[in-house]
Amino acid sequence: MAHNPPIMAYDLFSSHSWLGENLLDRFLLARRLVKFMMSALRLNIPASLSASPDKLQP
């Protein structure tokens, strides 16, 4: 696995991982996407709350 990183990186984005032939790559890709979405939500929610008009006026 670690002896050939370029092939592994290529397999990560190959059609095989999306067809379900490489479930580990699909799991890692999905987990990375979920982490990205959660961090984006964590950054966006406080900003939208502080910018809402009912929060600005007491």
N, C-alpha and C. Protein backbone atom coordinates (compact mmCIF):
# COMPACT_ATOMS: atom_id res chain seq x y z
N MET A 1 0.83 -1.20 0.00
CA MET A 1 0.00 0.00 0.00
C MET A 1 0.86 1.25 0.00
N ALA A 2 1.77 1.34 0.98
CA ALA A 2 2.60 2.55 1.08
C ALA A 2 3.76 2.53 0.09
N HIS A 3 3.96 1.37 -0.56
CA HIS A 3 5.11 1.29 -1.47
C HIS A 3 4.81 1.97 -2.80
N ASN A 4 3.54 2.28 -3.07
CA ASN A 4 3.21 2.93 -4.34
C ASN A 4 2.11 3.97 -4.14
N PRO A 5 2.44 5.12 -3.54
CA PRO A 5 1.44 6.14 -3.25
C PRO A 5 0.76 6.72 -4.48
N PRO A 6 1.46 6.92 -5.63
CA PRO A 6 0.78 7.52 -6.79
C PRO A 6 -0.37 6.65 -7.29
N ILE A 7 -0.17 5.32 -7.28
CA ILE A 7 -1.24 4.43 -7.75
C ILE A 7 -2.42 4.50 -6.79
N MET A 8 -2.14 4.58 -5.49
CA MET A 8 -3.22 4.66 -4.52
C MET A 8 -3.98 5.97 -4.67
N ALA A 9 -3.26 7.06 -4.89
CA ALA A 9 -3.93 8.34 -5.07
C ALA A 9 -4.76 8.33 -6.34
N TYR A 10 -4.27 7.63 -7.36
CA TYR A 10 -5.03 7.54 -8.61
C TYR A 10 -6.29 6.69 -8.40
N ASP A 11 -6.15 5.60 -7.64
CA ASP A 11 -7.30 4.73 -7.40
C ASP A 11 -8.37 5.45 -6.59
N LEU A 12 -7.95 6.43 -5.79
CA LEU A 12 -8.91 7.14 -4.97
C LEU A 12 -9.92 7.88 -5.84
N PHE A 13 -9.47 8.37 -7.00
CA PHE A 13 -10.35 9.15 -7.87
C PHE A 13 -10.73 8.38 -9.14
N SER A 14 -10.43 7.08 -9.17
CA SER A 14 -10.79 6.29 -10.35
C SER A 14 -12.27 5.92 -10.29
N SER A 15 -12.79 5.43 -11.40
CA SER A 15 -14.21 5.07 -11.45
C SER A 15 -14.50 3.86 -10.57
N HIS A 16 -13.49 3.06 -10.27
CA HIS A 16 -13.71 1.85 -9.49
C HIS A 16 -14.21 2.18 -8.09
N SER A 17 -13.67 3.23 -7.49
CA SER A 17 -14.09 3.57 -6.13
C SER A 17 -15.54 4.04 -6.12
N TRP A 18 -15.99 4.69 -7.21
CA TRP A 18 -17.38 5.16 -7.26
C TRP A 18 -18.34 4.02 -7.60
N LEU A 19 -17.82 2.95 -8.22
CA LEU A 19 -18.68 1.82 -8.55
C LEU A 19 -18.82 0.86 -7.38
N GLY A 20 -18.11 1.13 -6.29
CA GLY A 20 -18.25 0.30 -5.12
C GLY A 20 -17.27 -0.85 -5.09
N GLU A 21 -16.28 -0.88 -5.97
CA GLU A 21 -15.31 -1.97 -5.98
C GLU A 21 -14.21 -1.73 -4.94
N ASN A 22 -14.08 -0.51 -4.47
CA ASN A 22 -13.10 -0.19 -3.44
C ASN A 22 -13.82 0.54 -2.31
N LEU A 23 -14.40 -0.23 -1.41
CA LEU A 23 -15.25 0.37 -0.38
C LEU A 23 -14.45 1.21 0.60
N LEU A 24 -13.18 0.85 0.84
CA LEU A 24 -12.38 1.62 1.78
C LEU A 24 -12.15 3.03 1.26
N ASP A 25 -11.83 3.14 -0.04
CA ASP A 25 -11.62 4.47 -0.61
C ASP A 25 -12.91 5.28 -0.56
N ARG A 26 -14.04 4.62 -0.83
CA ARG A 26 -15.33 5.33 -0.76
C ARG A 26 -15.59 5.81 0.65
N PHE A 27 -15.26 4.98 1.65
CA PHE A 27 -15.49 5.36 3.04
C PHE A 27 -14.62 6.54 3.43
N LEU A 28 -13.34 6.50 3.03
CA LEU A 28 -12.44 7.60 3.37
C LEU A 28 -12.86 8.88 2.67
N LEU A 29 -13.30 8.78 1.42
CA LEU A 29 -13.74 9.95 0.68
C LEU A 29 -15.00 10.54 1.32
N ALA A 30 -15.93 9.67 1.71
CA ALA A 30 -17.17 10.14 2.32
C ALA A 30 -16.88 10.78 3.68
N ARG A 31 -15.96 10.18 4.45
CA ARG A 31 -15.65 10.74 5.76
C ARG A 31 -14.98 12.10 5.62
N ARG A 32 -14.12 12.25 4.59
CA ARG A 32 -13.47 13.54 4.38
C ARG A 32 -14.51 14.58 3.97
N LEU A 33 -15.50 14.16 3.16
CA LEU A 33 -16.54 15.09 2.73
C LEU A 33 -17.40 15.51 3.92
N VAL A 34 -17.72 14.56 4.80
CA VAL A 34 -18.53 14.89 5.98
C VAL A 34 -17.76 15.84 6.90
N LYS A 35 -16.46 15.59 7.08
CA LYS A 35 -15.65 16.49 7.90
C LYS A 35 -15.65 17.90 7.32
N PHE A 36 -15.54 17.99 5.99
CA PHE A 36 -15.52 19.29 5.33
C PHE A 36 -16.86 20.00 5.50
N MET A 37 -17.96 19.26 5.35
CA MET A 37 -19.28 19.87 5.50
C MET A 37 -19.51 20.33 6.93
N MET A 38 -19.08 19.54 7.91
CA MET A 38 -19.28 19.92 9.31
C MET A 38 -18.47 21.16 9.65
N SER A 39 -17.23 21.25 9.16
CA SER A 39 -16.41 22.43 9.44
C SER A 39 -17.00 23.65 8.76
N ALA A 40 -17.56 23.47 7.56
CA ALA A 40 -18.19 24.59 6.86
C ALA A 40 -19.42 25.06 7.61
N LEU A 41 -20.20 24.12 8.13
CA LEU A 41 -21.39 24.50 8.90
C LEU A 41 -20.98 25.21 10.18
N ARG A 42 -19.93 24.72 10.83
CA ARG A 42 -19.48 25.33 12.08
C ARG A 42 -19.00 26.76 11.84
N LEU A 43 -18.44 27.01 10.65
CA LEU A 43 -17.96 28.36 10.36
C LEU A 43 -19.10 29.27 9.94
N ASN A 44 -20.12 28.73 9.27
CA ASN A 44 -21.16 29.57 8.69
C ASN A 44 -22.29 29.88 9.67
N ILE A 45 -22.61 28.97 10.57
CA ILE A 45 -23.77 29.18 11.44
C ILE A 45 -23.58 30.37 12.39
N PRO A 46 -22.46 30.51 13.11
CA PRO A 46 -22.31 31.67 13.99
C PRO A 46 -22.31 32.99 13.22
N ALA A 47 -21.76 33.00 12.01
CA ALA A 47 -21.72 34.23 11.23
C ALA A 47 -23.13 34.64 10.84
N SER A 48 -23.96 33.69 10.43
CA SER A 48 -25.33 34.04 10.03
C SER A 48 -26.16 34.43 11.24
N LEU A 49 -25.87 33.84 12.41
CA LEU A 49 -26.64 34.19 13.60
C LEU A 49 -26.31 35.60 14.07
N SER A 50 -25.03 35.96 14.02
CA SER A 50 -24.64 37.29 14.49
C SER A 50 -25.06 38.37 13.51
N ALA A 51 -25.31 37.99 12.25
CA ALA A 51 -25.69 38.98 11.23
C ALA A 51 -27.20 39.10 11.10
N SER A 52 -27.95 38.26 11.82
CA SER A 52 -29.41 38.35 11.70
C SER A 52 -29.92 39.61 12.40
N PRO A 53 -30.94 40.27 11.85
CA PRO A 53 -31.40 41.57 12.39
C PRO A 53 -31.97 41.47 13.81
N ASP A 54 -32.65 40.37 14.13
CA ASP A 54 -33.25 40.30 15.47
C ASP A 54 -32.18 40.14 16.55
N LYS A 55 -30.99 39.69 16.17
CA LYS A 55 -29.90 39.59 17.15
C LYS A 55 -29.18 40.94 17.30
N LEU A 56 -29.20 41.76 16.26
CA LEU A 56 -28.49 43.04 16.33
C LEU A 56 -29.26 44.04 17.18
N GLN A 57 -30.59 43.99 17.14
CA GLN A 57 -31.39 44.95 17.92
C GLN A 57 -31.91 44.28 19.18
N PRO A 58 -31.63 44.86 20.33
CA PRO A 58 -32.05 44.27 21.61
C PRO A 58 -33.56 44.44 21.86
